[in-house]
Amino acid sequence: MQFSLFDEENGRREKACVQLPLLEADVKYYPNALSSSDANRCYEALKTELPWRQDAIRLFGKSVNIPRLQSWHGDPHCTYTYSNLTMAPNPWSKTLSELRKTCEQITGTEFNSVLANWYRDGQDSMSLHADDEPELGINPTIASLTLGEARPFVLRHKETKARFTQVLEHGSVLIMAGTTQSHYVHGIAKTAKPIGGRINLTFRHLISPAG
């Protein structure tokens, strides 16, 4: 189903949105959340603006490099742990702050942190997983913004194993909300095709230690 949001206060038509046909989930896709020129500018800025690094996690007792570069940013209290990897937040950059506002306007949700992933080529990937860490709370809203090469994004139901693939395009935003993380895992597969780089930003709201 495709529709457009209408801003009554400012009297303008907002970006088109596609509701993905997934049971037990609430996933919306905005293919043109950013203009092509803004997306190009942000992509180039983030490549040099962020302190990219390649982290390692332990799998089956061995240290394995994550197949992508990443950078964690957020408010001072937003320390984040996943796959036994704990990351203290880097400060918000100018471009990240700008893109956070865009995602907050689309979702009506305030975000205090973002994980940036840089997929340098088709061999960089993200294994299937759910963003269900305790710091995210119950039924989190997560905004995933794509810059650069379009890549297929796979969602798989945890019980039925039903799969749905949505190509995430340059300048697009995917919103996962409701019970999506409870019922689905998601990821980006490797490809042998010669493709360019992609930067993905997943904006989140971490619960503070005080609740």
C-alpha atoms as a PDB file:
ATOM      1  CA  MET A   1       0.000   0.000   0.000  1.00  0.00           C
ATOM      2  CA  GLN A   2       1.418   3.412  -0.931  1.00  0.00           C
ATOM      3  CA  PHE A   3       0.346   6.732   0.499  1.00  0.00           C
ATOM      4  CA  SER A   4       1.582  10.236   1.250  1.00  0.00           C
ATOM      5  CA  LEU A   5       1.555  12.081   4.537  1.00  0.00           C
ATOM      6  CA  PHE A   6      -0.015  15.539   4.538  1.00  0.00           C
ATOM      7  CA  ASP A   7       1.299  18.241   6.846  1.00  0.00           C
ATOM      8  CA  GLU A   8      -1.821  20.256   7.702  1.00  0.00           C
ATOM      9  CA  GLU A   9       0.068  22.986   9.536  1.00  0.00           C
ATOM     10  CA  ASN A  10       2.366  23.793   6.608  1.00  0.00           C
ATOM     11  CA  GLY A  11       0.005  22.668   3.875  1.00  0.00           C
ATOM     12  CA  ARG A  12       2.490  20.541   1.943  1.00  0.00           C
ATOM     13  CA  ARG A  13       2.570  16.987   0.667  1.00  0.00           C
ATOM     14  CA  GLU A  14       5.113  14.831   2.460  1.00  0.00           C
ATOM     15  CA  LYS A  15       7.220  11.952   1.124  1.00  0.00           C
ATOM     16  CA  ALA A  16       5.540   8.857  -0.321  1.00  0.00           C
ATOM     17  CA  CYS A  17       5.506   5.834   1.963  1.00  0.00           C
ATOM     18  CA  VAL A  18       5.146   2.097   1.296  1.00  0.00           C
ATOM     19  CA  GLN A  19       3.749  -0.156   4.050  1.00  0.00           C
ATOM     20  CA  LEU A  20       5.484  -3.530   3.705  1.00  0.00           C
ATOM     21  CA  PRO A  21       3.037  -6.506   3.684  1.00  0.00           C
ATOM     22  CA  LEU A  22       4.407  -8.269   6.776  1.00  0.00           C
ATOM     23  CA  LEU A  23       2.357 -10.096   9.397  1.00  0.00           C
ATOM     24  CA  GLU A  24       3.107  -9.270  13.054  1.00  0.00           C
ATOM     25  CA  ALA A  25       5.225  -6.273  12.051  1.00  0.00           C
ATOM     26  CA  ASP A  26       5.013  -2.571  11.280  1.00  0.00           C
ATOM     27  CA  VAL A  27       7.554  -1.674   8.596  1.00  0.00           C
ATOM     28  CA  LYS A  28       7.293   1.427   6.407  1.00  0.00           C
ATOM     29  CA  TYR A  29       9.574   2.379   3.526  1.00  0.00           C
ATOM     30  CA  TYR A  30      10.185   5.925   2.290  1.00  0.00           C
ATOM     31  CA  PRO A  31      12.080   5.530  -1.018  1.00  0.00           C
ATOM     32  CA  ASN A  32      12.794   9.265  -1.472  1.00  0.00           C
ATOM     33  CA  ALA A  33      13.179  10.578   2.056  1.00  0.00           C
ATOM     34  CA  LEU A  34      16.139  12.671   0.883  1.00  0.00           C
ATOM     35  CA  SER A  35      16.628  14.443  -2.403  1.00  0.00           C
ATOM     36  CA  SER A  36      19.343  13.009  -4.627  1.00  0.00           C
ATOM     37  CA  SER A  37      21.589  16.028  -4.059  1.00  0.00           C
ATOM     38  CA  ASP A  38      21.183  15.891  -0.253  1.00  0.00           C
ATOM     39  CA  ALA A  39      21.818  12.136  -0.231  1.00  0.00           C
ATOM     40  CA  ASN A  40      24.973  12.567  -2.327  1.00  0.00           C
ATOM     41  CA  ARG A  41      26.241  15.344  -0.063  1.00  0.00           C
ATOM     42  CA  CYS A  42      25.607  13.387   3.138  1.00  0.00           C
ATOM     43  CA  TYR A  43      27.204  10.236   1.759  1.00  0.00           C
ATOM     44  CA  GLU A  44      30.429  12.024   0.879  1.00  0.00           C
ATOM     45  CA  ALA A  45      30.474  13.916   4.191  1.00  0.00           C
ATOM     46  CA  LEU A  46      30.026  10.834   6.368  1.00  0.00           C
ATOM     47  CA  LYS A  47      32.889   8.975   4.693  1.00  0.00           C
ATOM     48  CA  THR A  48      35.343  11.504   6.138  1.00  0.00           C
ATOM     49  CA  GLU A  49      33.367  12.906   9.088  1.00  0.00           C
ATOM     50  CA  LEU A  50      33.078   9.760  11.220  1.00  0.00           C
ATOM     51  CA  PRO A  51      35.828   7.821  13.067  1.00  0.00           C
ATOM     52  CA  TRP A  52      35.237   4.542  11.215  1.00  0.00           C
ATOM     53  CA  ARG A  53      36.675   1.335  12.639  1.00  0.00           C
ATOM     54  CA  GLN A  54      36.492  -2.396  12.065  1.00  0.00           C
ATOM     55  CA  ASP A  55      35.486  -4.139  15.283  1.00  0.00           C
ATOM     56  CA  ALA A  56      35.816  -7.808  16.129  1.00  0.00           C
ATOM     57  CA  ILE A  57      33.377 -10.107  17.918  1.00  0.00           C
ATOM     58  CA  ARG A  58      33.838 -13.593  19.365  1.00  0.00           C
ATOM     59  CA  LEU A  59      32.203 -16.477  17.504  1.00  0.00           C
ATOM     60  CA  PHE A  60      32.638 -20.042  18.699  1.00  0.00           C
ATOM     61  CA  GLY A  61      35.549 -18.943  20.877  1.00  0.00           C
ATOM     62  CA  LYS A  62      37.378 -17.112  18.073  1.00  0.00           C
ATOM     63  CA  SER A  63      37.815 -13.399  17.386  1.00  0.00           C
ATOM     64  CA  VAL A  64      36.270 -12.529  14.007  1.00  0.00           C
ATOM     65  CA  ASN A  65      36.370  -9.162  12.251  1.00  0.00           C
ATOM     66  CA  ILE A  66      32.939  -7.715  11.490  1.00  0.00           C
ATOM     67  CA  PRO A  67      32.556  -7.584   7.672  1.00  0.00           C
ATOM     68  CA  ARG A  68      32.001  -3.817   7.494  1.00  0.00           C
ATOM     69  CA  LEU A  69      33.202  -0.616   9.145  1.00  0.00           C
ATOM     70  CA  GLN A  70      31.117   0.986  11.865  1.00  0.00           C
ATOM     71  CA  SER A  71      30.871   4.015  14.117  1.00  0.00           C
ATOM     72  CA  TRP A  72      28.595   4.480  17.165  1.00  0.00           C
ATOM     73  CA  HIS A  73      27.296   7.948  18.071  1.00  0.00           C
ATOM     74  CA  GLY A  74      24.838   9.346  20.582  1.00  0.00           C
ATOM     75  CA  ASP A  75      24.099  11.278  23.731  1.00  0.00           C
ATOM     76  CA  PRO A  76      26.655  10.844  26.561  1.00  0.00           C
ATOM     77  CA  HIS A  77      24.772   8.052  28.392  1.00  0.00           C
ATOM     78  CA  CYS A  78      24.224   5.935  25.272  1.00  0.00           C
ATOM     79  CA  THR A  79      26.705   3.106  25.739  1.00  0.00           C
ATOM     80  CA  TYR A  80      25.530   0.182  23.615  1.00  0.00           C
ATOM     81  CA  THR A  81      26.265  -3.547  23.735  1.00  0.00           C
ATOM     82  CA  TYR A  82      25.555  -6.177  21.096  1.00  0.00           C
ATOM     83  CA  SER A  83      27.262  -9.521  20.344  1.00  0.00           C
ATOM     84  CA  ASN A  84      29.365  -8.967  23.505  1.00  0.00           C
ATOM     85  CA  LEU A  85      30.756  -5.782  21.976  1.00  0.00           C
ATOM     86  CA  THR A  86      30.372  -2.651  24.122  1.00  0.00           C
ATOM     87  CA  MET A  87      30.645   0.747  22.458  1.00  0.00           C
ATOM     88  CA  ALA A  88      30.854   4.154  24.137  1.00  0.00           C
ATOM     89  CA  PRO A  89      29.223   6.896  22.051  1.00  0.00           C
ATOM     90  CA  ASN A  90      31.127   9.268  19.834  1.00  0.00           C
ATOM     91  CA  PRO A  91      29.564  12.762  19.738  1.00  0.00           C
ATOM     92  CA  TRP A  92      27.005  13.728  17.118  1.00  0.00           C
ATOM     93  CA  SER A  93      28.538  15.094  13.939  1.00  0.00           C
ATOM     94  CA  LYS A  94      26.919  17.894  11.936  1.00  0.00           C
ATOM     95  CA  THR A  95      25.645  15.524   9.236  1.00  0.00           C
ATOM     96  CA  LEU A  96      24.376  12.913  11.714  1.00  0.00           C
ATOM     97  CA  SER A  97      22.445  15.607  13.600  1.00  0.00           C
ATOM     98  CA  GLU A  98      20.888  16.803  10.356  1.00  0.00           C
ATOM     99  CA  LEU A  99      19.811  13.288   9.365  1.00  0.00           C
ATOM    100  CA  ARG A 100      18.506  12.563  12.865  1.00  0.00           C
ATOM    101  CA  LYS A 101      16.073  15.489  12.491  1.00  0.00           C
ATOM    102  CA  THR A 102      14.861  14.078   9.176  1.00  0.00           C
ATOM    103  CA  CYS A 103      14.142  10.674  10.720  1.00  0.00           C
ATOM    104  CA  GLU A 104      12.482  12.211  13.775  1.00  0.00           C
ATOM    105  CA  GLN A 105      10.165  14.239  11.528  1.00  0.00           C
ATOM    106  CA  ILE A 106       9.188  11.116   9.597  1.00  0.00           C
ATOM    107  CA  THR A 107       8.595   8.897  12.635  1.00  0.00           C
ATOM    108  CA  GLY A 108       7.484  11.326  15.344  1.00  0.00           C
ATOM    109  CA  THR A 109      10.042   9.561  17.567  1.00  0.00           C
ATOM    110  CA  GLU A 110      13.035  11.105  19.333  1.00  0.00           C
ATOM    111  CA  PHE A 111      16.349   9.318  18.719  1.00  0.00           C
ATOM    112  CA  ASN A 112      19.360   9.609  21.027  1.00  0.00           C
ATOM    113  CA  SER A 113      21.828   7.325  19.240  1.00  0.00           C
ATOM    114  CA  VAL A 114      22.803   5.942  15.845  1.00  0.00           C
ATOM    115  CA  LEU A 115      24.885   3.049  14.553  1.00  0.00           C
ATOM    116  CA  ALA A 116      26.638   3.882  11.285  1.00  0.00           C
ATOM    117  CA  ASN A 117      27.705   0.956   9.084  1.00  0.00           C
ATOM    118  CA  TRP A 118      29.864   1.362   5.993  1.00  0.00           C
ATOM    119  CA  TYR A 119      29.540  -1.525   3.526  1.00  0.00           C
ATOM    120  CA  ARG A 120      32.605  -0.899   1.369  1.00  0.00           C
ATOM    121  CA  ASP A 121      31.676  -3.376  -1.374  1.00  0.00           C
ATOM    122  CA  GLY A 122      29.564  -6.468  -2.009  1.00  0.00           C
ATOM    123  CA  GLN A 123      31.621  -8.599   0.374  1.00  0.00           C
ATOM    124  CA  ASP A 124      30.636  -6.473   3.363  1.00  0.00           C
ATOM    125  CA  SER A 125      27.424  -7.690   4.993  1.00  0.00           C
ATOM    126  CA  MET A 126      25.210  -7.919   8.080  1.00  0.00           C
ATOM    127  CA  SER A 127      24.064 -11.335   9.308  1.00  0.00           C
ATOM    128  CA  LEU A 128      20.413 -11.913  10.179  1.00  0.00           C
ATOM    129  CA  HIS A 129      19.606 -10.527  13.619  1.00  0.00           C
ATOM    130  CA  ALA A 130      16.962  -8.652  15.617  1.00  0.00           C
ATOM    131  CA  ASP A 131      17.527  -5.290  17.278  1.00  0.00           C
ATOM    132  CA  ASP A 132      16.128  -6.533  20.576  1.00  0.00           C
ATOM    133  CA  GLU A 133      18.820  -5.615  23.103  1.00  0.00           C
ATOM    134  CA  PRO A 134      17.488  -4.617  26.557  1.00  0.00           C
ATOM    135  CA  GLU A 135      18.718  -1.037  26.102  1.00  0.00           C
ATOM    136  CA  LEU A 136      16.186  -0.553  23.302  1.00  0.00           C
ATOM    137  CA  GLY A 137      13.157  -1.418  25.433  1.00  0.00           C
ATOM    138  CA  ILE A 138      10.021  -3.207  24.269  1.00  0.00           C
ATOM    139  CA  ASN A 139       8.822  -2.686  20.673  1.00  0.00           C
ATOM    140  CA  PRO A 140      11.429  -0.087  19.685  1.00  0.00           C
ATOM    141  CA  THR A 141      11.115   2.221  16.686  1.00  0.00           C
ATOM    142  CA  ILE A 142      14.235   2.100  14.527  1.00  0.00           C
ATOM    143  CA  ALA A 143      14.877   4.298  11.496  1.00  0.00           C
ATOM    144  CA  SER A 144      17.285   2.892   8.900  1.00  0.00           C
ATOM    145  CA  LEU A 145      18.636   5.469   6.429  1.00  0.00           C
ATOM    146  CA  THR A 146      20.556   4.336   3.342  1.00  0.00           C
ATOM    147  CA  LEU A 147      23.169   6.329   1.422  1.00  0.00           C
ATOM    148  CA  GLY A 148      25.088   5.007  -1.569  1.00  0.00           C
ATOM    149  CA  GLU A 149      24.681   1.651  -3.322  1.00  0.00           C
ATOM    150  CA  ALA A 150      21.206   0.102  -3.189  1.00  0.00           C
ATOM    151  CA  ARG A 151      21.282  -3.260  -1.365  1.00  0.00           C
ATOM    152  CA  PRO A 152      18.577  -5.929  -0.791  1.00  0.00           C
ATOM    153  CA  PHE A 153      17.345  -5.897   2.822  1.00  0.00           C
ATOM    154  CA  VAL A 154      15.997  -9.261   3.985  1.00  0.00           C
ATOM    155  CA  LEU A 155      13.390  -9.736   6.729  1.00  0.00           C
ATOM    156  CA  ARG A 156      12.682 -13.299   7.909  1.00  0.00           C
ATOM    157  CA  HIS A 157       9.924 -14.331  10.313  1.00  0.00           C
ATOM    158  CA  LYS A 158      11.394 -16.079  13.349  1.00  0.00           C
ATOM    159  CA  GLU A 159       8.772 -18.845  13.457  1.00  0.00           C
ATOM    160  CA  THR A 160       7.411 -19.337   9.938  1.00  0.00           C
ATOM    161  CA  LYS A 161      10.759 -18.518   8.244  1.00  0.00           C
ATOM    162  CA  ALA A 162       8.823 -16.541   5.614  1.00  0.00           C
ATOM    163  CA  ARG A 163      11.152 -14.081   3.878  1.00  0.00           C
ATOM    164  CA  PHE A 164      10.568 -10.639   2.412  1.00  0.00           C
ATOM    165  CA  THR A 165      13.156  -8.597   0.534  1.00  0.00           C
ATOM    166  CA  GLN A 166      13.096  -4.833   0.062  1.00  0.00           C
ATOM    167  CA  VAL A 167      15.822  -3.073  -1.916  1.00  0.00           C
ATOM    168  CA  LEU A 168      16.955  -0.059   0.113  1.00  0.00           C
ATOM    169  CA  GLU A 169      17.773   2.780  -2.242  1.00  0.00           C
ATOM    170  CA  HIS A 170      20.043   5.808  -2.024  1.00  0.00           C
ATOM    171  CA  GLY A 171      18.355   8.446   0.155  1.00  0.00           C
ATOM    172  CA  SER A 172      15.676   6.090   1.494  1.00  0.00           C
ATOM    173  CA  VAL A 173      14.454   5.503   5.048  1.00  0.00           C
ATOM    174  CA  LEU A 174      13.004   2.239   6.399  1.00  0.00           C
ATOM    175  CA  ILE A 175      11.072   2.383   9.675  1.00  0.00           C
ATOM    176  CA  MET A 176      10.750  -0.757  11.826  1.00  0.00           C
ATOM    177  CA  ALA A 177       8.287  -0.341  14.694  1.00  0.00           C
ATOM    178  CA  GLY A 178       5.727  -2.194  16.807  1.00  0.00           C
ATOM    179  CA  THR A 179       6.444  -5.902  17.273  1.00  0.00           C
ATOM    180  CA  THR A 180       8.797  -6.145  14.284  1.00  0.00           C
ATOM    181  CA  GLN A 181      11.877  -6.986  16.372  1.00  0.00           C
ATOM    182  CA  SER A 182       9.952  -9.615  18.348  1.00  0.00           C
ATOM    183  CA  HIS A 183       8.888 -11.541  15.245  1.00  0.00           C
ATOM    184  CA  TYR A 184      11.549 -10.867  12.598  1.00  0.00           C
ATOM    185  CA  VAL A 185      15.277 -10.938  12.000  1.00  0.00           C
ATOM    186  CA  HIS A 186      16.837  -8.825   9.268  1.00  0.00           C
ATOM    187  CA  GLY A 187      20.136  -8.438   7.454  1.00  0.00           C
ATOM    188  CA  ILE A 188      22.158  -7.581   4.343  1.00  0.00           C
ATOM    189  CA  ALA A 189      23.661 -10.515   2.380  1.00  0.00           C
ATOM    190  CA  LYS A 190      26.992 -10.583   0.550  1.00  0.00           C
ATOM    191  CA  THR A 191      27.019 -10.366  -3.224  1.00  0.00           C
ATOM    192  CA  ALA A 192      29.641 -11.293  -5.817  1.00  0.00           C
ATOM    193  CA  LYS A 193      28.503  -8.439  -8.043  1.00  0.00           C
ATOM    194  CA  PRO A 194      30.950  -5.528  -8.399  1.00  0.00           C
ATOM    195  CA  ILE A 195      29.100  -2.779  -6.530  1.00  0.00           C
ATOM    196  CA  GLY A 196      29.956   0.459  -4.813  1.00  0.00           C
ATOM    197  CA  GLY A 197      29.863   1.420  -1.156  1.00  0.00           C
ATOM    198  CA  ARG A 198      26.829   1.936   1.061  1.00  0.00           C
ATOM    199  CA  ILE A 199      26.509   3.785   4.368  1.00  0.00           C
ATOM    200  CA  ASN A 200      23.569   2.827   6.559  1.00  0.00           C
ATOM    201  CA  LEU A 201      22.459   4.719   9.660  1.00  0.00           C
ATOM    202  CA  THR A 202      20.141   3.051  12.166  1.00  0.00           C
ATOM    203  CA  PHE A 203      18.725   5.628  14.546  1.00  0.00           C
ATOM    204  CA  ARG A 204      17.550   4.320  17.914  1.00  0.00           C
ATOM    205  CA  HIS A 205      16.332   5.484  21.311  1.00  0.00           C
ATOM    206  CA  LEU A 206      18.264   3.882  24.150  1.00  0.00           C
ATOM    207  CA  ILE A 207      16.678   3.785  27.572  1.00  0.00           C
ATOM    208  CA  SER A 208      18.731   5.680  30.131  1.00  0.00           C
ATOM    209  CA  PRO A 209      20.112   3.838  33.210  1.00  0.00           C
ATOM    210  CA  ALA A 210      17.508   5.655  35.299  1.00  0.00           C
ATOM    211  CA  GLY A 211      14.730   4.374  33.005  1.00  0.00           C
END
